[in-house]
């Protein structure tokens, strides 16, 4: 993988949303590329801050149910 490909996939990598083959490629690239490794560190920090901020307030139950049931694979669930 090159730097452009790695940087496009950092959020997926940080969230463990990649296949094992791609995880290995990204991991190997991050070991060899200090610029992408710094970008990954920034991505992890950003995601950490976002998760903390978003966890402070929850949506009202009615809104939560509407959002969850709007996804086709979640129809009939809440």
Protein backbone atom coordinates (compact mmCIF):
# COMPACT_ATOMS: atom_id res chain seq x y z
CA UNK A 1 0.00 0.00 0.00
CA UNK A 2 1.12 3.54 -0.64
CA UNK A 3 0.63 6.57 1.62
CA UNK A 4 -2.54 7.73 -0.15
CA UNK A 5 -4.21 4.34 0.21
CA UNK A 6 -3.18 4.03 3.85
CA UNK A 7 -4.36 7.52 4.79
CA UNK A 8 -7.74 6.89 3.15
CA UNK A 9 -8.20 3.78 5.25
CA UNK A 10 -6.95 4.98 8.66
CA UNK A 11 -10.43 5.41 10.15
CA UNK A 12 -11.36 1.88 9.10
CA UNK A 13 -8.08 0.56 10.50
CA UNK A 14 -8.52 2.42 13.80
CA UNK A 15 -12.09 1.09 14.15
CA UNK A 16 -11.12 -2.52 13.32
CA UNK A 17 -13.33 -2.46 10.24
CA UNK A 18 -10.88 -4.02 7.77
CA UNK A 19 -10.17 -7.51 6.57
CA UNK A 20 -7.12 -9.20 8.05
CA UNK A 21 -5.13 -8.96 4.80
CA UNK A 22 -5.56 -5.18 4.65
CA UNK A 23 -4.83 -4.84 8.37
CA UNK A 24 -1.47 -6.51 7.82
CA UNK A 25 -0.66 -4.22 4.87
CA UNK A 26 -1.57 -1.07 6.78
CA UNK A 27 0.31 -2.20 9.88
CA UNK A 28 3.44 -2.92 7.83
CA UNK A 29 3.19 0.47 6.13
CA UNK A 30 2.79 2.31 9.44
CA UNK A 31 5.95 0.68 10.76
CA UNK A 32 7.93 1.90 7.76
CA UNK A 33 6.37 5.34 7.21
CA UNK A 34 6.71 7.93 10.00
CA UNK A 35 4.35 10.38 8.24
CA UNK A 36 1.50 7.90 8.05
CA UNK A 37 2.23 6.72 11.59
CA UNK A 38 1.81 10.32 12.82
CA UNK A 39 -1.41 10.62 10.82
CA UNK A 40 -2.64 7.40 12.42
CA UNK A 41 -1.83 8.74 15.90
CA UNK A 42 -3.83 11.90 15.11
CA UNK A 43 -6.71 9.77 13.83
CA UNK A 44 -6.78 7.70 17.02
CA UNK A 45 -6.72 10.84 19.16
CA UNK A 46 -9.54 12.40 17.14
CA UNK A 47 -11.68 9.28 17.42
CA UNK A 48 -11.04 9.13 21.17
CA UNK A 49 -12.18 12.74 21.63
CA UNK A 50 -15.25 12.19 19.46
CA UNK A 51 -16.24 9.07 21.36
CA UNK A 52 -15.90 10.83 24.70
CA UNK A 53 -17.92 13.83 23.55
CA UNK A 54 -20.64 11.76 21.93
CA UNK A 55 -21.02 9.52 24.94
CA UNK A 56 -22.04 12.41 27.21
CA UNK A 57 -25.53 12.82 25.82
CA UNK A 58 -27.92 10.27 24.47
CA UNK A 59 -30.70 10.79 22.00
CA UNK A 60 -34.29 10.69 23.22
CA UNK A 61 -35.75 7.17 22.96
CA UNK A 62 -38.20 8.14 20.21
CA UNK A 63 -35.42 9.58 18.02
CA UNK A 64 -33.15 6.62 18.71
CA UNK A 65 -35.90 4.20 17.65
CA UNK A 66 -36.59 6.20 14.45
CA UNK A 67 -32.91 6.20 13.52
CA UNK A 68 -32.42 2.50 14.22
CA UNK A 69 -35.49 1.43 12.30
CA UNK A 70 -34.59 3.62 9.31
CA UNK A 71 -31.82 1.20 8.32
CA UNK A 72 -33.16 -1.57 6.05
CA UNK A 73 -31.33 -4.32 7.95
CA UNK A 74 -32.82 -3.07 11.25
CA UNK A 75 -36.48 -2.91 10.18
CA UNK A 76 -38.66 -4.07 13.05
CA UNK A 77 -35.90 -3.74 15.66
CA UNK A 78 -35.30 -1.04 18.24
